[in-house]
Amino acid sequence: MKSFVAAVAFAVVAAVGVAMVLNNFQESSSVAFTTTGARVSDPGHNLIGPG
């Protein structure tokens, strides 16, 4: 039983840690998918909002 509780605790700590790290690398799709051939402008009130 102790090993199960330890595994659950580790899974929760790992999930929170990974979520915080990945949150720093996220960017909006208007920035992420912009290439030299794409004509992506400020999304404004499009389906993807600025926030």
N, C-alpha and C. Protein backbone atom coordinates (compact mmCIF):
# COMPACT_ATOMS: atom_id res chain seq x y z
N MET A 1 0.83 -1.19 0.00
CA MET A 1 0.00 0.00 0.00
C MET A 1 0.87 1.25 0.00
N LYS A 2 2.00 1.20 0.71
CA LYS A 2 2.88 2.36 0.76
C LYS A 2 3.44 2.68 -0.62
N SER A 3 3.77 1.65 -1.38
CA SER A 3 4.34 1.89 -2.70
C SER A 3 3.29 2.49 -3.65
N PHE A 4 2.04 2.11 -3.49
CA PHE A 4 0.97 2.69 -4.32
C PHE A 4 0.79 4.16 -4.01
N VAL A 5 0.78 4.51 -2.74
CA VAL A 5 0.63 5.92 -2.34
C VAL A 5 1.83 6.72 -2.83
N ALA A 6 3.03 6.13 -2.74
CA ALA A 6 4.22 6.82 -3.22
C ALA A 6 4.16 7.02 -4.73
N ALA A 7 3.66 6.04 -5.48
CA ALA A 7 3.54 6.15 -6.93
C ALA A 7 2.52 7.22 -7.31
N VAL A 8 1.41 7.29 -6.61
CA VAL A 8 0.40 8.32 -6.88
C VAL A 8 0.95 9.70 -6.56
N ALA A 9 1.66 9.83 -5.45
CA ALA A 9 2.25 11.11 -5.09
C ALA A 9 3.29 11.55 -6.12
N PHE A 10 4.09 10.61 -6.58
CA PHE A 10 5.09 10.94 -7.61
C PHE A 10 4.41 11.35 -8.91
N ALA A 11 3.34 10.68 -9.29
CA ALA A 11 2.61 11.01 -10.52
C ALA A 11 2.03 12.42 -10.44
N VAL A 12 1.50 12.79 -9.29
CA VAL A 12 0.93 14.13 -9.12
C VAL A 12 2.04 15.19 -9.19
N VAL A 13 3.15 14.95 -8.50
CA VAL A 13 4.25 15.90 -8.51
C VAL A 13 4.83 16.03 -9.92
N ALA A 14 4.99 14.91 -10.62
CA ALA A 14 5.53 14.95 -11.97
C ALA A 14 4.58 15.69 -12.91
N ALA A 15 3.29 15.46 -12.79
CA ALA A 15 2.32 16.13 -13.66
C ALA A 15 2.31 17.63 -13.44
N VAL A 16 2.38 18.06 -12.20
CA VAL A 16 2.40 19.49 -11.90
C VAL A 16 3.69 20.11 -12.42
N GLY A 17 4.80 19.44 -12.23
CA GLY A 17 6.08 19.95 -12.70
C GLY A 17 6.14 20.07 -14.21
N VAL A 18 5.67 19.06 -14.90
CA VAL A 18 5.66 19.09 -16.37
C VAL A 18 4.71 20.16 -16.88
N ALA A 19 3.56 20.32 -16.24
CA ALA A 19 2.62 21.35 -16.66
C ALA A 19 3.22 22.74 -16.51
N MET A 20 3.97 22.98 -15.45
CA MET A 20 4.58 24.29 -15.25
C MET A 20 5.69 24.54 -16.27
N VAL A 21 6.46 23.51 -16.60
CA VAL A 21 7.53 23.67 -17.58
C VAL A 21 6.94 23.91 -18.97
N LEU A 22 5.94 23.13 -19.35
CA LEU A 22 5.36 23.27 -20.68
C LEU A 22 4.60 24.59 -20.83
N ASN A 23 4.09 25.14 -19.76
CA ASN A 23 3.39 26.41 -19.81
C ASN A 23 4.31 27.54 -20.27
N ASN A 24 5.61 27.41 -19.99
CA ASN A 24 6.56 28.43 -20.41
C ASN A 24 6.86 28.37 -21.91
N PHE A 25 6.62 27.24 -22.55
CA PHE A 25 6.96 27.08 -23.96
C PHE A 25 5.78 27.28 -24.89
N GLN A 26 4.59 27.49 -24.36
CA GLN A 26 3.41 27.64 -25.22
C GLN A 26 3.40 28.99 -25.89
N GLU A 27 2.93 28.99 -27.14
CA GLU A 27 2.71 30.24 -27.86
C GLU A 27 1.44 30.10 -28.68
N SER A 28 0.87 31.22 -29.03
CA SER A 28 -0.40 31.16 -29.75
C SER A 28 -0.18 30.61 -31.15
N SER A 29 -1.23 30.13 -31.76
CA SER A 29 -1.12 29.53 -33.08
C SER A 29 -0.78 30.57 -34.14
N SER A 30 -1.15 31.83 -33.93
CA SER A 30 -0.80 32.86 -34.90
C SER A 30 0.70 33.12 -34.92
N VAL A 31 1.39 32.77 -33.85
CA VAL A 31 2.84 32.90 -33.80
C VAL A 31 3.50 31.58 -34.18
N ALA A 32 2.97 30.48 -33.70
CA ALA A 32 3.61 29.18 -33.89
C ALA A 32 3.60 28.72 -35.34
N PHE A 33 2.54 29.00 -36.08
CA PHE A 33 2.40 28.49 -37.43
C PHE A 33 2.66 29.55 -38.49
N THR A 34 3.36 30.61 -38.15
CA THR A 34 3.69 31.65 -39.11
C THR A 34 5.00 31.30 -39.78
N THR A 35 4.98 31.20 -41.10
CA THR A 35 6.19 30.96 -41.88
C THR A 35 6.36 32.10 -42.87
N THR A 36 7.38 32.01 -43.68
CA THR A 36 7.62 33.09 -44.64
C THR A 36 6.56 33.12 -45.73
N GLY A 37 5.92 31.99 -46.01
CA GLY A 37 4.90 31.95 -47.05
C GLY A 37 3.49 32.14 -46.54
N ALA A 38 3.31 32.20 -45.23
CA ALA A 38 1.97 32.33 -44.68
C ALA A 38 1.63 33.80 -44.49
N ARG A 39 0.36 34.11 -44.67
CA ARG A 39 -0.11 35.47 -44.44
C ARG A 39 -1.00 35.47 -43.20
N VAL A 40 -0.37 35.37 -42.06
CA VAL A 40 -1.09 35.34 -40.79
C VAL A 40 -0.90 36.69 -40.13
N SER A 41 -2.00 37.36 -39.86
CA SER A 41 -1.91 38.66 -39.19
C SER A 41 -2.42 38.54 -37.77
N ASP A 42 -2.56 39.65 -37.13
CA ASP A 42 -3.09 39.69 -35.77
C ASP A 42 -4.47 39.06 -35.75
N PRO A 43 -4.74 38.07 -34.88
CA PRO A 43 -6.01 37.38 -34.92
C PRO A 43 -7.21 38.25 -34.55
N GLY A 44 -7.00 39.29 -33.77
CA GLY A 44 -8.10 40.18 -33.40
C GLY A 44 -9.27 39.45 -32.77
N HIS A 45 -10.45 39.50 -33.39
CA HIS A 45 -11.63 38.84 -32.86
C HIS A 45 -11.94 37.56 -33.65
N ASN A 46 -10.91 36.91 -34.13
CA ASN A 46 -11.07 35.66 -34.87
C ASN A 46 -11.39 34.53 -33.87
N LEU A 47 -11.40 33.31 -34.34
CA LEU A 47 -11.69 32.18 -33.46
C LEU A 47 -10.64 32.02 -32.38
N ILE A 48 -9.41 32.41 -32.69
CA ILE A 48 -8.36 32.35 -31.67
C ILE A 48 -8.14 33.77 -31.17
N GLY A 49 -8.47 34.02 -29.97
CA GLY A 49 -8.33 35.37 -29.42
C GLY A 49 -6.89 35.65 -29.04
N PRO A 50 -6.58 36.89 -28.78
CA PRO A 50 -5.22 37.23 -28.43
C PRO A 50 -4.78 36.67 -27.08
N GLY A 51 -5.73 36.30 -26.24
CA GLY A 51 -5.36 35.76 -24.92
C GLY A 51 -5.67 34.35 -24.88
